[in-house]
Full PDB file with SEQRES, HELIX, SHEET, SSBOND, CRYST1, ORIGX, SCALE, CONECT and MASTER records, all heavy atoms in Angstrom:
SEQRES   1 A   38  PHE THR SER THR PRO VAL VAL PHE GLU PHE GLN GLY LYS          
SEQRES   2 A   38  SER MET LEU ALA ALA THR THR ASN ASP GLY LYS LEU HIS          
SEQRES   3 A   38  VAL PHE ASP ALA ALA THR LEU LYS PRO THR ALA THR              
SHEET    1 AA1 4 VAL A   6  PHE A  10  0                                        
SHEET    2 AA1 4 LYS A  13  THR A  19 -1                                        
SHEET    3 AA1 4 LEU A  25  ASP A  29 -1                                        
SHEET    4 AA1 4 PRO A  35  ALA A  37 -1                                        
CRYST1    1.000    1.000    1.000  90.00  90.00  90.00 P 1           1          
ORIGX1      1.000000  0.000000  0.000000        0.00000                         
ORIGX2      0.000000  1.000000  0.000000        0.00000                         
ORIGX3      0.000000  0.000000  1.000000        0.00000                         
SCALE1      1.000000  0.000000  0.000000        0.00000                         
SCALE2      0.000000  1.000000  0.000000        0.00000                         
SCALE3      0.000000  0.000000  1.000000        0.00000                         
ATOM      1  N   PHE A   1       3.944  -0.428 -11.227  1.00  0.00           N  
ATOM      2  CA  PHE A   1       4.421   0.105  -9.999  1.00  0.00           C  
ATOM      3  C   PHE A   1       5.926   0.708 -10.268  1.00  0.00           C  
ATOM      4  O   PHE A   1       6.661   0.247 -11.010  1.00  0.00           O  
ATOM      5  CB  PHE A   1       4.638  -1.006  -8.943  1.00  0.00           C  
ATOM      6  CG  PHE A   1       3.275  -1.369  -8.352  1.00  0.00           C  
ATOM      7  CD1 PHE A   1       2.561  -2.495  -8.693  1.00  0.00           C  
ATOM      8  CD2 PHE A   1       2.802  -0.621  -7.369  1.00  0.00           C  
ATOM      9  CE1 PHE A   1       1.345  -2.820  -8.135  1.00  0.00           C  
ATOM     10  CE2 PHE A   1       1.439  -0.818  -6.787  1.00  0.00           C  
ATOM     11  CZ  PHE A   1       0.840  -2.035  -7.191  1.00  0.00           C  
ATOM     12  N   THR A   2       6.180   1.832  -9.533  1.00  0.00           N  
ATOM     13  CA  THR A   2       7.448   2.582  -9.753  1.00  0.00           C  
ATOM     14  C   THR A   2       8.219   2.582  -8.438  1.00  0.00           C  
ATOM     15  O   THR A   2       9.370   2.905  -8.496  1.00  0.00           O  
ATOM     16  CB  THR A   2       7.205   3.942 -10.181  1.00  0.00           C  
ATOM     17  OG1 THR A   2       6.364   4.636  -9.179  1.00  0.00           O  
ATOM     18  CG2 THR A   2       6.404   4.025 -11.489  1.00  0.00           C  
ATOM     19  N   SER A   3       7.583   2.391  -7.238  1.00  0.00           N  
ATOM     20  CA  SER A   3       8.324   2.512  -6.001  1.00  0.00           C  
ATOM     21  C   SER A   3       8.458   1.156  -5.275  1.00  0.00           C  
ATOM     22  O   SER A   3       7.718   0.201  -5.581  1.00  0.00           O  
ATOM     23  CB  SER A   3       7.607   3.501  -5.071  1.00  0.00           C  
ATOM     24  OG  SER A   3       6.464   2.962  -4.577  1.00  0.00           O  
ATOM     25  N   THR A   4       9.527   1.077  -4.501  1.00  0.00           N  
ATOM     26  CA  THR A   4       9.446  -0.059  -3.510  1.00  0.00           C  
ATOM     27  C   THR A   4       8.365   0.108  -2.528  1.00  0.00           C  
ATOM     28  O   THR A   4       8.135   1.153  -2.032  1.00  0.00           O  
ATOM     29  CB  THR A   4      10.876   0.025  -2.706  1.00  0.00           C  
ATOM     30  OG1 THR A   4      11.928  -0.004  -3.593  1.00  0.00           O  
ATOM     31  CG2 THR A   4      11.027  -1.245  -1.815  1.00  0.00           C  
ATOM     32  N   PRO A   5       7.676  -0.985  -2.207  1.00  0.00           N  
ATOM     33  CA  PRO A   5       6.529  -0.807  -1.253  1.00  0.00           C  
ATOM     34  C   PRO A   5       7.108  -0.361   0.138  1.00  0.00           C  
ATOM     35  O   PRO A   5       8.223  -0.729   0.508  1.00  0.00           O  
ATOM     36  CB  PRO A   5       5.963  -2.226  -1.144  1.00  0.00           C  
ATOM     37  CG  PRO A   5       6.389  -2.836  -2.396  1.00  0.00           C  
ATOM     38  CD  PRO A   5       7.719  -2.305  -2.759  1.00  0.00           C  
ATOM     39  N   VAL A   6       6.403   0.376   0.872  1.00  0.00           N  
ATOM     40  CA  VAL A   6       6.735   0.778   2.201  1.00  0.00           C  
ATOM     41  C   VAL A   6       5.657   0.120   3.159  1.00  0.00           C  
ATOM     42  O   VAL A   6       4.504   0.148   2.864  1.00  0.00           O  
ATOM     43  CB  VAL A   6       6.844   2.277   2.351  1.00  0.00           C  
ATOM     44  CG1 VAL A   6       5.410   2.986   2.151  1.00  0.00           C  
ATOM     45  CG2 VAL A   6       7.256   2.662   3.757  1.00  0.00           C  
ATOM     46  N   VAL A   7       6.180  -0.432   4.234  1.00  0.00           N  
ATOM     47  CA  VAL A   7       5.287  -1.106   5.185  1.00  0.00           C  
ATOM     48  C   VAL A   7       5.109  -0.237   6.379  1.00  0.00           C  
ATOM     49  O   VAL A   7       6.141   0.374   6.973  1.00  0.00           O  
ATOM     50  CB  VAL A   7       5.857  -2.472   5.629  1.00  0.00           C  
ATOM     51  CG1 VAL A   7       5.048  -3.173   6.672  1.00  0.00           C  
ATOM     52  CG2 VAL A   7       5.999  -3.452   4.401  1.00  0.00           C  
ATOM     53  N   PHE A   8       3.965  -0.115   6.864  1.00  0.00           N  
ATOM     54  CA  PHE A   8       3.718   0.725   8.099  1.00  0.00           C  
ATOM     55  C   PHE A   8       2.538   0.095   8.916  1.00  0.00           C  
ATOM     56  O   PHE A   8       1.751  -0.691   8.346  1.00  0.00           O  
ATOM     57  CB  PHE A   8       3.378   2.076   7.753  1.00  0.00           C  
ATOM     58  CG  PHE A   8       2.281   2.364   6.737  1.00  0.00           C  
ATOM     59  CD1 PHE A   8       0.943   2.555   7.254  1.00  0.00           C  
ATOM     60  CD2 PHE A   8       2.483   2.262   5.420  1.00  0.00           C  
ATOM     61  CE1 PHE A   8      -0.090   2.666   6.394  1.00  0.00           C  
ATOM     62  CE2 PHE A   8       1.369   2.472   4.547  1.00  0.00           C  
ATOM     63  CZ  PHE A   8       0.070   2.729   5.034  1.00  0.00           C  
ATOM     64  N   GLU A   9       2.410   0.580  10.127  1.00  0.00           N  
ATOM     65  CA  GLU A   9       1.264   0.077  11.034  1.00  0.00           C  
ATOM     66  C   GLU A   9       0.211   1.146  11.039  1.00  0.00           C  
ATOM     67  O   GLU A   9       0.446   2.335  11.106  1.00  0.00           O  
ATOM     68  CB  GLU A   9       1.865  -0.188  12.421  1.00  0.00           C  
ATOM     69  CG  GLU A   9       0.838  -0.772  13.469  1.00  0.00           C  
ATOM     70  CD  GLU A   9      -0.093   0.211  14.160  1.00  0.00           C  
ATOM     71  OE1 GLU A   9       0.317   1.407  14.173  1.00  0.00           O  
ATOM     72  OE2 GLU A   9      -1.250  -0.138  14.498  1.00  0.00           O  
ATOM     73  N   PHE A  10      -1.080   0.599  10.913  1.00  0.00           N  
ATOM     74  CA  PHE A  10      -2.186   1.483  10.925  1.00  0.00           C  
ATOM     75  C   PHE A  10      -3.349   0.801  11.536  1.00  0.00           C  
ATOM     76  O   PHE A  10      -3.797  -0.276  11.019  1.00  0.00           O  
ATOM     77  CB  PHE A  10      -2.573   1.952   9.518  1.00  0.00           C  
ATOM     78  CG  PHE A  10      -3.699   2.868   9.465  1.00  0.00           C  
ATOM     79  CD1 PHE A  10      -3.542   4.231  10.004  1.00  0.00           C  
ATOM     80  CD2 PHE A  10      -4.922   2.581   8.867  1.00  0.00           C  
ATOM     81  CE1 PHE A  10      -4.653   5.134   9.955  1.00  0.00           C  
ATOM     82  CE2 PHE A  10      -5.888   3.426   8.854  1.00  0.00           C  
ATOM     83  CZ  PHE A  10      -5.785   4.704   9.383  1.00  0.00           C  
ATOM     84  N   GLN A  11      -3.824   1.302  12.704  1.00  0.00           N  
ATOM     85  CA  GLN A  11      -5.028   0.730  13.476  1.00  0.00           C  
ATOM     86  C   GLN A  11      -4.755  -0.665  13.760  1.00  0.00           C  
ATOM     87  O   GLN A  11      -5.652  -1.542  13.612  1.00  0.00           O  
ATOM     88  CB  GLN A  11      -6.220   1.064  12.615  1.00  0.00           C  
ATOM     89  CG  GLN A  11      -6.584   2.541  12.503  1.00  0.00           C  
ATOM     90  CD  GLN A  11      -7.852   2.650  11.696  1.00  0.00           C  
ATOM     91  OE1 GLN A  11      -8.448   1.792  11.159  1.00  0.00           O  
ATOM     92  NE2 GLN A  11      -8.402   3.980  11.725  1.00  0.00           N  
ATOM     93  N   GLY A  12      -3.589  -1.020  14.172  1.00  0.00           N  
ATOM     94  CA  GLY A  12      -3.265  -2.341  14.651  1.00  0.00           C  
ATOM     95  C   GLY A  12      -2.921  -3.346  13.487  1.00  0.00           C  
ATOM     96  O   GLY A  12      -2.768  -4.614  13.730  1.00  0.00           O  
ATOM     97  N   LYS A  13      -2.803  -2.979  12.228  1.00  0.00           N  
ATOM     98  CA  LYS A  13      -2.630  -3.799  11.172  1.00  0.00           C  
ATOM     99  C   LYS A  13      -1.413  -3.352  10.313  1.00  0.00           C  
ATOM    100  O   LYS A  13      -0.916  -2.191  10.405  1.00  0.00           O  
ATOM    101  CB  LYS A  13      -3.782  -3.779  10.165  1.00  0.00           C  
ATOM    102  CG  LYS A  13      -5.014  -4.410  10.576  1.00  0.00           C  
ATOM    103  CD  LYS A  13      -6.076  -4.455   9.511  1.00  0.00           C  
ATOM    104  CE  LYS A  13      -7.447  -5.242   9.934  1.00  0.00           C  
ATOM    105  NZ  LYS A  13      -8.335  -5.194   8.868  1.00  0.00           N  
ATOM    106  N   SER A  14      -0.736  -4.352   9.711  1.00  0.00           N  
ATOM    107  CA  SER A  14       0.395  -3.957   8.862  1.00  0.00           C  
ATOM    108  C   SER A  14      -0.133  -3.584   7.463  1.00  0.00           C  
ATOM    109  O   SER A  14      -0.913  -4.391   6.951  1.00  0.00           O  
ATOM    110  CB  SER A  14       1.392  -5.154   8.734  1.00  0.00           C  
ATOM    111  OG  SER A  14       2.066  -5.348   9.965  1.00  0.00           O  
ATOM    112  N   MET A  15       0.233  -2.395   6.918  1.00  0.00           N  
ATOM    113  CA  MET A  15      -0.247  -1.942   5.575  1.00  0.00           C  
ATOM    114  C   MET A  15       0.955  -1.765   4.827  1.00  0.00           C  
ATOM    115  O   MET A  15       2.154  -1.629   5.303  1.00  0.00           O  
ATOM    116  CB  MET A  15      -0.981  -0.677   5.805  1.00  0.00           C  
ATOM    117  CG  MET A  15      -2.131  -0.734   6.844  1.00  0.00           C  
ATOM    118  SD  MET A  15      -3.532  -1.876   6.515  1.00  0.00           S  
ATOM    119  CE  MET A  15      -4.257  -0.974   5.225  1.00  0.00           C  
ATOM    120  N   LEU A  16       0.724  -1.686   3.508  1.00  0.00           N  
ATOM    121  CA  LEU A  16       1.843  -1.301   2.636  1.00  0.00           C  
ATOM    122  C   LEU A  16       1.365  -0.382   1.536  1.00  0.00           C  
ATOM    123  O   LEU A  16       0.161  -0.410   1.170  1.00  0.00           O  
ATOM    124  CB  LEU A  16       2.570  -2.594   2.024  1.00  0.00           C  
ATOM    125  CG  LEU A  16       1.869  -3.565   1.173  1.00  0.00           C  
ATOM    126  CD1 LEU A  16       1.934  -3.174  -0.376  1.00  0.00           C  
ATOM    127  CD2 LEU A  16       2.419  -4.933   1.421  1.00  0.00           C  
ATOM    128  N   ALA A  17       2.128   0.507   1.030  1.00  0.00           N  
ATOM    129  CA  ALA A  17       1.835   1.468   0.012  1.00  0.00           C  
ATOM    130  C   ALA A  17       2.891   1.509  -1.007  1.00  0.00           C  
ATOM    131  O   ALA A  17       4.039   1.162  -0.762  1.00  0.00           O  
ATOM    132  CB  ALA A  17       1.619   2.857   0.567  1.00  0.00           C  
ATOM    133  N   ALA A  18       2.452   1.771  -2.329  1.00  0.00           N  
ATOM    134  CA  ALA A  18       3.403   1.932  -3.427  1.00  0.00           C  
ATOM    135  C   ALA A  18       2.781   2.828  -4.368  1.00  0.00           C  
ATOM    136  O   ALA A  18       1.619   3.001  -4.480  1.00  0.00           O  
ATOM    137  CB  ALA A  18       3.753   0.543  -3.990  1.00  0.00           C  
ATOM    138  N   THR A  19       3.660   3.442  -5.249  1.00  0.00           N  
ATOM    139  CA  THR A  19       3.202   4.389  -6.290  1.00  0.00           C  
ATOM    140  C   THR A  19       3.192   3.634  -7.615  1.00  0.00           C  
ATOM    141  O   THR A  19       3.939   2.663  -7.882  1.00  0.00           O  
ATOM    142  CB  THR A  19       4.051   5.611  -6.333  1.00  0.00           C  
ATOM    143  OG1 THR A  19       5.440   5.258  -6.524  1.00  0.00           O  
ATOM    144  CG2 THR A  19       3.923   6.391  -5.124  1.00  0.00           C  
ATOM    145  N   THR A  20       2.378   4.178  -8.642  1.00  0.00           N  
ATOM    146  CA  THR A  20       2.383   3.631  -9.910  1.00  0.00           C  
ATOM    147  C   THR A  20       2.677   4.865 -10.961  1.00  0.00           C  
ATOM    148  O   THR A  20       2.630   5.965 -10.632  1.00  0.00           O  
ATOM    149  CB  THR A  20       0.998   2.913 -10.264  1.00  0.00           C  
ATOM    150  OG1 THR A  20      -0.086   3.899  -9.872  1.00  0.00           O  
ATOM    151  CG2 THR A  20       0.868   1.697  -9.543  1.00  0.00           C  
ATOM    152  N   ASN A  21       2.875   4.353 -12.184  1.00  0.00           N  
ATOM    153  CA  ASN A  21       3.294   5.395 -13.184  1.00  0.00           C  
ATOM    154  C   ASN A  21       2.174   6.220 -13.762  1.00  0.00           C  
ATOM    155  O   ASN A  21       2.388   7.038 -14.650  1.00  0.00           O  
ATOM    156  CB  ASN A  21       3.984   4.733 -14.396  1.00  0.00           C  
ATOM    157  CG  ASN A  21       3.043   3.735 -15.064  1.00  0.00           C  
ATOM    158  OD1 ASN A  21       1.962   3.387 -14.647  1.00  0.00           O  
ATOM    159  ND2 ASN A  21       3.531   3.147 -16.249  1.00  0.00           N  
ATOM    160  N   ASP A  22       1.001   6.041 -13.183  1.00  0.00           N  
ATOM    161  CA  ASP A  22      -0.097   7.023 -13.531  1.00  0.00           C  
ATOM    162  C   ASP A  22      -0.248   8.136 -12.494  1.00  0.00           C  
ATOM    163  O   ASP A  22      -1.208   8.866 -12.428  1.00  0.00           O  
ATOM    164  CB  ASP A  22      -1.411   6.305 -13.687  1.00  0.00           C  
ATOM    165  CG  ASP A  22      -1.857   5.505 -12.399  1.00  0.00           C  
ATOM    166  OD1 ASP A  22      -1.035   5.434 -11.534  1.00  0.00           O  
ATOM    167  OD2 ASP A  22      -2.868   4.782 -12.489  1.00  0.00           O  
ATOM    168  N   GLY A  23       0.719   8.169 -11.500  1.00  0.00           N  
ATOM    169  CA  GLY A  23       0.856   9.278 -10.621  1.00  0.00           C  
ATOM    170  C   GLY A  23      -0.081   9.043  -9.465  1.00  0.00           C  
ATOM    171  O   GLY A  23      -0.347   9.953  -8.662  1.00  0.00           O  
ATOM    172  N   LYS A  24      -0.364   7.799  -9.127  1.00  0.00           N  
ATOM    173  CA  LYS A  24      -1.344   7.479  -7.965  1.00  0.00           C  
ATOM    174  C   LYS A  24      -0.567   6.679  -6.894  1.00  0.00           C  
ATOM    175  O   LYS A  24       0.518   6.069  -7.158  1.00  0.00           O  
ATOM    176  CB  LYS A  24      -2.487   6.682  -8.447  1.00  0.00           C  
ATOM    177  CG  LYS A  24      -3.409   7.505  -9.435  1.00  0.00           C  
ATOM    178  CD  LYS A  24      -4.591   6.607  -9.854  1.00  0.00           C  
ATOM    179  CE  LYS A  24      -5.514   7.357 -10.858  1.00  0.00           C  
ATOM    180  NZ  LYS A  24      -6.749   6.567 -11.240  1.00  0.00           N  
ATOM    181  N   LEU A  25      -1.150   6.737  -5.707  1.00  0.00           N  
ATOM    182  CA  LEU A  25      -0.665   5.964  -4.566  1.00  0.00           C  
ATOM    183  C   LEU A  25      -1.680   4.929  -4.189  1.00  0.00           C  
ATOM    184  O   LEU A  25      -2.849   5.186  -4.095  1.00  0.00           O  
ATOM    185  CB  LEU A  25      -0.358   6.966  -3.382  1.00  0.00           C  
ATOM    186  CG  LEU A  25       0.062   6.168  -2.108  1.00  0.00           C  
ATOM    187  CD1 LEU A  25       1.604   5.890  -2.213  1.00  0.00           C  
ATOM    188  CD2 LEU A  25      -0.119   7.104  -0.932  1.00  0.00           C  
ATOM    189  N   HIS A  26      -1.212   3.628  -4.000  1.00  0.00           N  
ATOM    190  CA  HIS A  26      -2.060   2.534  -3.659  1.00  0.00           C  
ATOM    191  C   HIS A  26      -1.677   1.944  -2.272  1.00  0.00           C  
ATOM    192  O   HIS A  26      -0.600   1.827  -1.976  1.00  0.00           O  
ATOM    193  CB  HIS A  26      -1.870   1.392  -4.764  1.00  0.00           C  
ATOM    194  CG  HIS A  26      -2.280   1.846  -6.156  1.00  0.00           C  
ATOM    195  ND1 HIS A  26      -3.376   1.619  -6.743  1.00  0.00           N  
ATOM    196  CD2 HIS A  26      -1.474   2.514  -6.989  1.00  0.00           C  
ATOM    197  CE1 HIS A  26      -3.336   2.137  -7.979  1.00  0.00           C  
ATOM    198  NE2 HIS A  26      -2.161   2.703  -8.133  1.00  0.00           N  
ATOM    199  N   VAL A  27      -2.706   1.700  -1.508  1.00  0.00           N  
ATOM    200  CA  VAL A  27      -2.490   1.183  -0.124  1.00  0.00           C  
ATOM    201  C   VAL A  27      -3.188  -0.213  -0.028  1.00  0.00           C  
ATOM    202  O   VAL A  27      -4.318  -0.432  -0.534  1.00  0.00           O  
ATOM    203  CB  VAL A  27      -3.058   2.111   0.864  1.00  0.00           C  
ATOM    204  CG1 VAL A  27      -2.828   1.512   2.362  1.00  0.00           C  
ATOM    205  CG2 VAL A  27      -2.446   3.449   0.806  1.00  0.00           C  
ATOM    206  N   PHE A  28      -2.510  -1.137   0.503  1.00  0.00           N  
ATOM    207  CA  PHE A  28      -3.046  -2.556   0.636  1.00  0.00           C  
ATOM    208  C   PHE A  28      -2.922  -2.972   2.082  1.00  0.00           C  
ATOM    209  O   PHE A  28      -2.020  -2.588   2.831  1.00  0.00           O  
ATOM    210  CB  PHE A  28      -2.107  -3.494  -0.199  1.00  0.00           C  
ATOM    211  CG  PHE A  28      -2.185  -3.068  -1.672  1.00  0.00           C  
ATOM    212  CD1 PHE A  28      -1.156  -2.270  -2.094  1.00  0.00           C  
ATOM    213  CD2 PHE A  28      -3.152  -3.470  -2.537  1.00  0.00           C  
ATOM    214  CE1 PHE A  28      -1.069  -1.757  -3.423  1.00  0.00           C  
ATOM    215  CE2 PHE A  28      -3.056  -3.070  -3.958  1.00  0.00           C  
ATOM    216  CZ  PHE A  28      -2.054  -2.188  -4.349  1.00  0.00           C  
ATOM    217  N   ASP A  29      -3.791  -3.971   2.522  1.00  0.00           N  
ATOM    218  CA  ASP A  29      -3.583  -4.765   3.673  1.00  0.00           C  
ATOM    219  C   ASP A  29      -2.456  -5.630   3.468  1.00  0.00           C  
ATOM    220  O   ASP A  29      -2.557  -6.567   2.624  1.00  0.00           O  
ATOM    221  CB  ASP A  29      -4.967  -5.362   4.099  1.00  0.00           C  
ATOM    222  CG  ASP A  29      -4.972  -6.152   5.359  1.00  0.00           C  
ATOM    223  OD1 ASP A  29      -3.843  -6.800   5.679  1.00  0.00           O  
ATOM    224  OD2 ASP A  29      -5.961  -6.139   6.108  1.00  0.00           O  
ATOM    225  N   ALA A  30      -1.454  -5.580   4.233  1.00  0.00           N  
ATOM    226  CA  ALA A  30      -0.306  -6.485   4.008  1.00  0.00           C  
ATOM    227  C   ALA A  30      -0.604  -7.972   4.216  1.00  0.00           C  
ATOM    228  O   ALA A  30      -0.027  -8.787   3.496  1.00  0.00           O  
ATOM    229  CB  ALA A  30       0.864  -6.157   4.986  1.00  0.00           C  
ATOM    230  N   ALA A  31      -1.543  -8.305   5.109  1.00  0.00           N  
ATOM    231  CA  ALA A  31      -1.794  -9.744   5.386  1.00  0.00           C  
ATOM    232  C   ALA A  31      -2.599 -10.372   4.214  1.00  0.00           C  
ATOM    233  O   ALA A  31      -2.290 -11.592   3.843  1.00  0.00           O  
ATOM    234  CB  ALA A  31      -2.701  -9.837   6.612  1.00  0.00           C  
ATOM    235  N   THR A  32      -3.432  -9.564   3.453  1.00  0.00           N  
ATOM    236  CA  THR A  32      -4.225 -10.260   2.422  1.00  0.00           C  
ATOM    237  C   THR A  32      -3.892  -9.600   1.069  1.00  0.00           C  
ATOM    238  O   THR A  32      -4.387 -10.165   0.024  1.00  0.00           O  
ATOM    239  CB  THR A  32      -5.747 -10.032   2.795  1.00  0.00           C  
ATOM    240  OG1 THR A  32      -5.984  -8.498   2.781  1.00  0.00           O  
ATOM    241  CG2 THR A  32      -6.061 -10.554   4.199  1.00  0.00           C  
ATOM    242  N   LEU A  33      -3.157  -8.513   1.016  1.00  0.00           N  
ATOM    243  CA  LEU A  33      -2.926  -7.762  -0.191  1.00  0.00           C  
ATOM    244  C   LEU A  33      -4.257  -7.161  -0.765  1.00  0.00           C  
ATOM    245  O   LEU A  33      -4.247  -6.867  -1.948  1.00  0.00           O  
ATOM    246  CB  LEU A  33      -2.143  -8.539  -1.266  1.00  0.00           C  
ATOM    247  CG  LEU A  33      -0.676  -8.863  -0.923  1.00  0.00           C  
ATOM    248  CD1 LEU A  33       0.042  -9.461  -2.085  1.00  0.00           C  
ATOM    249  CD2 LEU A  33       0.081  -7.548  -0.393  1.00  0.00           C  
ATOM    250  N   LYS A  34      -5.272  -7.089   0.065  1.00  0.00           N  
ATOM    251  CA  LYS A  34      -6.480  -6.541  -0.398  1.00  0.00           C  
ATOM    252  C   LYS A  34      -6.315  -4.882  -0.520  1.00  0.00           C  
ATOM    253  O   LYS A  34      -5.821  -4.387   0.491  1.00  0.00           O  
ATOM    254  CB  LYS A  34      -7.621  -6.781   0.555  1.00  0.00           C  
ATOM    255  CG  LYS A  34      -8.935  -6.220   0.213  1.00  0.00           C  
ATOM    256  CD  LYS A  34     -10.110  -6.658   1.194  1.00  0.00           C  
ATOM    257  CE  LYS A  34     -11.461  -6.006   0.770  1.00  0.00           C  
ATOM    258  NZ  LYS A  34     -12.522  -6.331   1.742  1.00  0.00           N  
ATOM    259  N   PRO A  35      -6.673  -4.369  -1.680  1.00  0.00           N  
ATOM    260  CA  PRO A  35      -6.646  -2.893  -1.751  1.00  0.00           C  
ATOM    261  C   PRO A  35      -7.545  -2.203  -0.776  1.00  0.00           C  
ATOM    262  O   PRO A  35      -8.699  -2.592  -0.495  1.00  0.00           O  
ATOM    263  CB  PRO A  35      -7.100  -2.627  -3.127  1.00  0.00           C  
ATOM    264  CG  PRO A  35      -6.893  -3.908  -3.907  1.00  0.00           C  
ATOM    265  CD  PRO A  35      -7.196  -4.949  -2.899  1.00  0.00           C  
ATOM    266  N   THR A  36      -7.024  -1.158  -0.040  1.00  0.00           N  
ATOM    267  CA  THR A  36      -7.903  -0.439   0.892  1.00  0.00           C  
ATOM    268  C   THR A  36      -8.050   0.932   0.473  1.00  0.00           C  
ATOM    269  O   THR A  36      -8.975   1.682   1.035  1.00  0.00           O  
ATOM    270  CB  THR A  36      -7.210  -0.412   2.262  1.00  0.00           C  
ATOM    271  OG1 THR A  36      -5.806   0.080   2.217  1.00  0.00           O  
ATOM    272  CG2 THR A  36      -6.992  -1.925   2.787  1.00  0.00           C  
ATOM    273  N   ALA A  37      -7.131   1.546  -0.323  1.00  0.00           N  
ATOM    274  CA  ALA A  37      -7.280   2.975  -0.696  1.00  0.00           C  
ATOM    275  C   ALA A  37      -6.380   3.210  -1.980  1.00  0.00           C  
ATOM    276  O   ALA A  37      -5.313   2.582  -2.198  1.00  0.00           O  
ATOM    277  CB  ALA A  37      -6.901   3.951   0.379  1.00  0.00           C  
ATOM    278  N   THR A  38      -6.930   4.016  -2.848  1.00  0.00           N  
ATOM    279  CA  THR A  38      -6.182   4.512  -4.015  1.00  0.00           C  
ATOM    280  C   THR A  38      -6.305   6.043  -4.162  1.00  0.00           C  
ATOM    281  O   THR A  38      -7.464   6.532  -4.108  1.00  0.00           O  
ATOM    282  CB  THR A  38      -6.611   3.829  -5.330  1.00  0.00           C  
ATOM    283  OG1 THR A  38      -6.484   2.433  -5.204  1.00  0.00           O  
ATOM    284  CG2 THR A  38      -5.803   4.379  -6.445  1.00  0.00           C  
TER     285      THR A  38                                                      
MASTER        0    0    0    0    4    0    0    6  284    1    0    3          
END                                                                             
C-alpha cells in the first residue's frame, strides 16, 4: 500500500479505498475489510 486509506459512504455503507505500488486501487467494506473492487 502506498496511500493513506480514504473513507467514504456508498449505498448506506462506510467504504475505504487505498492504492498499491502496482498502480491499482483497492476498495473494501470498512465494517468487515472484505474486498469489494480492485
